Amino acid sequence: MFSRLGGLLTGLSSTISCSLRATTSTLLPSSAAQSATFSTSFPAWRNNFLQFIHYRNGPPKRRARSKDKSPISGYSHFKGIVLKTVIRHPKKPNSGNRKCAIVRLSTGAEVCAYIPNVGHNLQEHSQVLVKGGRRRDLISVKANIVRGKFDCAPAGGRK
């Protein structure tokens, strides 16, 4: 790799010196033209070097950027431990209190997960199974807790 880079640098320096000699020979005497070949500034040299690389290899490839920044993206379920149960308030047209839990996943990431259905028995240090899927009317809630797995009781019947 370094040999290729060295070859690029020598080819680039010879290209720069030839172009500088051609431009400065008409303006300066020969002794001043020789000293001008070594006095290129670093930013100009850097820009020329990048242009030279892009000329040989083409422009750099664009990297795909994912819009989904959730720690659960790409996986179906995670096991986690409840750190705290919280109550969140939904966005504008909806009202009411939604029960959520701050969960530390097995990967070490912490997410706010929604506890579906009426009532729950979760408290600190409970083990839960967390699946992805955001809650649209709750800000920053990007996961759901699965009822009936580990320490989370199944959903009771509504009355």
C-alpha atoms as a PDB file:
ATOM      1  CA  MET A   1       0.000   0.000   0.000  1.00  0.00           C
ATOM      2  CA  PHE A   2       2.773   2.406   0.958  1.00  0.00           C
ATOM      3  CA  SER A   3       4.635   1.654  -2.256  1.00  0.00           C
ATOM      4  CA  ARG A   4       1.525   2.623  -4.245  1.00  0.00           C
ATOM      5  CA  LEU A   5       1.178   5.785  -2.176  1.00  0.00           C
ATOM      6  CA  GLY A   6       4.838   6.588  -2.754  1.00  0.00           C
ATOM      7  CA  GLY A   7       4.348   6.131  -6.479  1.00  0.00           C
ATOM      8  CA  LEU A   8       1.348   8.458  -6.357  1.00  0.00           C
ATOM      9  CA  LEU A   9       3.328  11.062  -4.461  1.00  0.00           C
ATOM     10  CA  THR A  10       6.293  10.992  -6.851  1.00  0.00           C
ATOM     11  CA  GLY A  11       3.996  11.183  -9.850  1.00  0.00           C
ATOM     12  CA  LEU A  12       2.094  14.043  -8.246  1.00  0.00           C
ATOM     13  CA  SER A  13       5.242  15.957  -7.294  1.00  0.00           C
ATOM     14  CA  SER A  14       6.635  15.651 -10.809  1.00  0.00           C
ATOM     15  CA  THR A  15       3.294  16.855 -12.213  1.00  0.00           C
ATOM     16  CA  ILE A  16       3.233  19.823  -9.852  1.00  0.00           C
ATOM     17  CA  SER A  17       6.876  20.760 -10.508  1.00  0.00           C
ATOM     18  CA  CYS A  18       6.402  20.576 -14.295  1.00  0.00           C
ATOM     19  CA  SER A  19       3.320  22.772 -14.145  1.00  0.00           C
ATOM     20  CA  LEU A  20       5.042  25.259 -11.845  1.00  0.00           C
ATOM     21  CA  ARG A  21       8.149  25.414 -14.057  1.00  0.00           C
ATOM     22  CA  ALA A  22       5.968  26.123 -17.075  1.00  0.00           C
ATOM     23  CA  THR A  23       4.091  28.915 -15.335  1.00  0.00           C
ATOM     24  CA  THR A  24       7.035  30.489 -13.486  1.00  0.00           C
ATOM     25  CA  SER A  25       9.589  30.265 -16.334  1.00  0.00           C
ATOM     26  CA  THR A  26       7.767  32.961 -18.259  1.00  0.00           C
ATOM     27  CA  LEU A  27       7.511  35.201 -15.210  1.00  0.00           C
ATOM     28  CA  LEU A  28      10.769  34.608 -13.288  1.00  0.00           C
ATOM     29  CA  PRO A  29      14.431  34.063 -14.081  1.00  0.00           C
ATOM     30  CA  SER A  30      15.686  30.451 -14.049  1.00  0.00           C
ATOM     31  CA  SER A  31      17.128  30.477 -10.491  1.00  0.00           C
ATOM     32  CA  ALA A  32      13.861  31.795  -9.047  1.00  0.00           C
ATOM     33  CA  ALA A  33      11.905  29.215 -11.060  1.00  0.00           C
ATOM     34  CA  GLN A  34      13.927  26.376  -9.508  1.00  0.00           C
ATOM     35  CA  SER A  35      13.266  27.620  -5.970  1.00  0.00           C
ATOM     36  CA  ALA A  36       9.551  28.072  -6.737  1.00  0.00           C
ATOM     37  CA  THR A  37       9.161  24.342  -7.464  1.00  0.00           C
ATOM     38  CA  PHE A  38       9.702  23.495  -3.782  1.00  0.00           C
ATOM     39  CA  SER A  39       7.618  26.288  -2.259  1.00  0.00           C
ATOM     40  CA  THR A  40       4.132  24.920  -2.814  1.00  0.00           C
ATOM     41  CA  SER A  41       1.903  25.462   0.196  1.00  0.00           C
ATOM     42  CA  PHE A  42       0.421  22.459   2.028  1.00  0.00           C
ATOM     43  CA  PRO A  43      -3.310  23.195   1.323  1.00  0.00           C
ATOM     44  CA  ALA A  44      -2.650  23.518  -2.404  1.00  0.00           C
ATOM     45  CA  TRP A  45      -0.620  20.292  -2.388  1.00  0.00           C
ATOM     46  CA  ARG A  46      -3.370  18.499  -0.438  1.00  0.00           C
ATOM     47  CA  ASN A  47      -6.116  19.599  -2.851  1.00  0.00           C
ATOM     48  CA  ASN A  48      -4.042  18.537  -5.838  1.00  0.00           C
ATOM     49  CA  PHE A  49      -3.362  15.170  -4.206  1.00  0.00           C
ATOM     50  CA  LEU A  50      -7.093  14.530  -3.600  1.00  0.00           C
ATOM     51  CA  GLN A  51      -7.918  15.571  -7.144  1.00  0.00           C
ATOM     52  CA  PHE A  52      -5.228  13.224  -8.403  1.00  0.00           C
ATOM     53  CA  ILE A  53      -6.638  10.300  -6.399  1.00  0.00           C
ATOM     54  CA  HIS A  54     -10.177  11.021  -7.611  1.00  0.00           C
ATOM     55  CA  TYR A  55      -8.862  11.249 -11.163  1.00  0.00           C
ATOM     56  CA  ARG A  56      -7.320   7.775 -10.929  1.00  0.00           C
ATOM     57  CA  ASN A  57      -9.900   5.939  -8.794  1.00  0.00           C
ATOM     58  CA  GLY A  58     -13.046   7.921  -9.430  1.00  0.00           C
ATOM     59  CA  PRO A  59     -14.976   9.871  -6.818  1.00  0.00           C
ATOM     60  CA  PRO A  60     -15.515   8.246  -3.420  1.00  0.00           C
ATOM     61  CA  LYS A  61     -18.548   6.006  -3.074  1.00  0.00           C
ATOM     62  CA  ARG A  62     -21.544   7.391  -1.196  1.00  0.00           C
ATOM     63  CA  ARG A  63     -22.335   5.532   2.002  1.00  0.00           C
ATOM     64  CA  ALA A  64     -25.931   4.593   2.679  1.00  0.00           C
ATOM     65  CA  ARG A  65     -27.309   6.274   5.773  1.00  0.00           C
ATOM     66  CA  SER A  66     -30.087   4.571   7.665  1.00  0.00           C
ATOM     67  CA  LYS A  67     -33.018   6.615   8.913  1.00  0.00           C
ATOM     68  CA  ASP A  68     -33.725   4.060  11.640  1.00  0.00           C
ATOM     69  CA  LYS A  69     -31.399   4.821  14.539  1.00  0.00           C
ATOM     70  CA  SER A  70     -33.137   2.551  17.031  1.00  0.00           C
ATOM     71  CA  PRO A  71     -30.886   0.106  18.923  1.00  0.00           C
ATOM     72  CA  ILE A  72     -33.414  -2.668  18.184  1.00  0.00           C
ATOM     73  CA  SER A  73     -33.297  -2.243  14.415  1.00  0.00           C
ATOM     74  CA  GLY A  74     -32.215  -5.409  12.630  1.00  0.00           C
ATOM     75  CA  TYR A  75     -33.240  -7.761  15.455  1.00  0.00           C
ATOM     76  CA  SER A  76     -36.590  -9.274  16.358  1.00  0.00           C
ATOM     77  CA  HIS A  77     -36.352  -9.415  20.167  1.00  0.00           C
ATOM     78  CA  PHE A  78     -34.005  -8.492  22.995  1.00  0.00           C
ATOM     79  CA  LYS A  79     -33.937  -9.488  26.613  1.00  0.00           C
ATOM     80  CA  GLY A  80     -33.656  -6.579  29.011  1.00  0.00           C
ATOM     81  CA  ILE A  81     -33.870  -5.495  32.623  1.00  0.00           C
ATOM     82  CA  VAL A  82     -36.256  -2.761  33.759  1.00  0.00           C
ATOM     83  CA  LEU A  83     -34.408   0.166  35.287  1.00  0.00           C
ATOM     84  CA  LYS A  84     -37.441   2.309  36.004  1.00  0.00           C
ATOM     85  CA  THR A  85     -41.130   2.458  35.148  1.00  0.00           C
ATOM     86  CA  VAL A  86     -42.271   5.830  33.890  1.00  0.00           C
ATOM     87  CA  ILE A  87     -45.450   7.538  32.709  1.00  0.00           C
ATOM     88  CA  ARG A  88     -45.314   9.370  29.397  1.00  0.00           C
ATOM     89  CA  HIS A  89     -47.808  11.874  28.019  1.00  0.00           C
ATOM     90  CA  PRO A  90     -48.742  11.566  24.330  1.00  0.00           C
ATOM     91  CA  LYS A  91     -48.479  14.252  21.674  1.00  0.00           C
ATOM     92  CA  LYS A  92     -51.070  16.887  20.907  1.00  0.00           C
ATOM     93  CA  PRO A  93     -54.408  15.405  19.820  1.00  0.00           C
ATOM     94  CA  ASN A  94     -54.208  12.490  22.274  1.00  0.00           C
ATOM     95  CA  SER A  95     -54.358  12.669  26.035  1.00  0.00           C
ATOM     96  CA  GLY A  96     -53.961  10.174  28.830  1.00  0.00           C
ATOM     97  CA  ASN A  97     -51.050   8.580  30.564  1.00  0.00           C
ATOM     98  CA  ARG A  98     -49.110   5.828  28.827  1.00  0.00           C
ATOM     99  CA  LYS A  99     -47.138   3.378  30.925  1.00  0.00           C
ATOM    100  CA  CYS A 100     -43.555   2.856  29.783  1.00  0.00           C
ATOM    101  CA  ALA A 101     -40.356   1.408  31.181  1.00  0.00           C
ATOM    102  CA  ILE A 102     -36.727   2.355  30.784  1.00  0.00           C
ATOM    103  CA  VAL A 103     -35.048  -0.937  29.863  1.00  0.00           C
ATOM    104  CA  ARG A 104     -31.357  -1.828  29.651  1.00  0.00           C
ATOM    105  CA  LEU A 105     -31.005  -4.319  26.817  1.00  0.00           C
ATOM    106  CA  SER A 106     -28.596  -7.243  26.799  1.00  0.00           C
ATOM    107  CA  THR A 107     -26.448  -5.248  24.374  1.00  0.00           C
ATOM    108  CA  GLY A 108     -26.012  -2.500  26.973  1.00  0.00           C
ATOM    109  CA  ALA A 109     -28.232   0.043  25.233  1.00  0.00           C
ATOM    110  CA  GLU A 110     -31.036   1.726  27.138  1.00  0.00           C
ATOM    111  CA  VAL A 111     -34.433   2.242  25.492  1.00  0.00           C
ATOM    112  CA  CYS A 112     -37.817   3.476  26.569  1.00  0.00           C
ATOM    113  CA  ALA A 113     -40.306   0.659  25.899  1.00  0.00           C
ATOM    114  CA  TYR A 114     -44.104   0.844  25.922  1.00  0.00           C
ATOM    115  CA  ILE A 115     -46.048  -1.548  28.154  1.00  0.00           C
ATOM    116  CA  PRO A 116     -49.174  -2.496  26.173  1.00  0.00           C
ATOM    117  CA  ASN A 117     -52.660  -3.186  27.496  1.00  0.00           C
ATOM    118  CA  VAL A 118     -54.209  -2.290  30.835  1.00  0.00           C
ATOM    119  CA  GLY A 119     -52.188  -2.739  34.022  1.00  0.00           C
ATOM    120  CA  HIS A 120     -48.794  -4.307  34.567  1.00  0.00           C
ATOM    121  CA  ASN A 121     -46.733  -5.861  37.328  1.00  0.00           C
ATOM    122  CA  LEU A 122     -43.317  -4.539  36.270  1.00  0.00           C
ATOM    123  CA  GLN A 123     -40.935  -2.991  38.733  1.00  0.00           C
ATOM    124  CA  GLU A 124     -37.218  -2.343  38.957  1.00  0.00           C
ATOM    125  CA  HIS A 125     -34.967  -5.349  38.095  1.00  0.00           C
ATOM    126  CA  SER A 126     -37.776  -7.230  36.284  1.00  0.00           C
ATOM    127  CA  GLN A 127     -36.646  -9.196  33.239  1.00  0.00           C
ATOM    128  CA  VAL A 128     -38.618  -8.432  30.077  1.00  0.00           C
ATOM    129  CA  LEU A 129     -38.613  -9.326  26.410  1.00  0.00           C
ATOM    130  CA  VAL A 130     -38.487  -6.243  24.181  1.00  0.00           C
ATOM    131  CA  LYS A 131     -39.457  -6.087  20.506  1.00  0.00           C
ATOM    132  CA  GLY A 132     -39.084  -3.226  18.084  1.00  0.00           C
ATOM    133  CA  GLY A 133     -41.774  -0.880  16.849  1.00  0.00           C
ATOM    134  CA  ARG A 134     -42.311   2.695  17.814  1.00  0.00           C
ATOM    135  CA  ARG A 135     -45.321   4.181  19.549  1.00  0.00           C
ATOM    136  CA  ARG A 136     -46.491   6.995  17.298  1.00  0.00           C
ATOM    137  CA  ASP A 137     -48.073   9.273  19.873  1.00  0.00           C
ATOM    138  CA  LEU A 138     -45.201   8.969  22.364  1.00  0.00           C
ATOM    139  CA  ILE A 139     -41.944  10.811  21.836  1.00  0.00           C
ATOM    140  CA  SER A 140     -38.726   8.747  22.051  1.00  0.00           C
ATOM    141  CA  VAL A 141     -40.557   5.430  22.590  1.00  0.00           C
ATOM    142  CA  LYS A 142     -39.157   3.036  19.978  1.00  0.00           C
ATOM    143  CA  ALA A 143     -39.796  -0.386  21.543  1.00  0.00           C
ATOM    144  CA  ASN A 144     -42.585  -2.525  22.999  1.00  0.00           C
ATOM    145  CA  ILE A 145     -42.532  -4.968  25.870  1.00  0.00           C
ATOM    146  CA  VAL A 146     -43.908  -8.457  25.129  1.00  0.00           C
ATOM    147  CA  ARG A 147     -46.584  -9.458  27.637  1.00  0.00           C
ATOM    148  CA  GLY A 148     -46.473 -12.934  29.153  1.00  0.00           C
ATOM    149  CA  LYS A 149     -42.704 -13.483  28.814  1.00  0.00           C
ATOM    150  CA  PHE A 150     -40.192 -13.570  31.675  1.00  0.00           C
ATOM    151  CA  ASP A 151     -41.393 -11.387  34.570  1.00  0.00           C
ATOM    152  CA  CYS A 152     -44.070  -9.456  32.674  1.00  0.00           C
ATOM    153  CA  ALA A 153     -47.519 -10.889  33.397  1.00  0.00           C
ATOM    154  CA  PRO A 154     -49.867 -11.577  30.484  1.00  0.00           C
ATOM    155  CA  ALA A 155     -52.481  -8.968  29.737  1.00  0.00           C
ATOM    156  CA  GLY A 156     -55.549  -9.271  31.933  1.00  0.00           C
ATOM    157  CA  GLY A 157     -59.020  -9.268  30.449  1.00  0.00           C
ATOM    158  CA  ARG A 158     -60.655  -5.842  30.087  1.00  0.00           C
ATOM    159  CA  LYS A 159     -63.793  -5.200  32.070  1.00  0.00           C
END
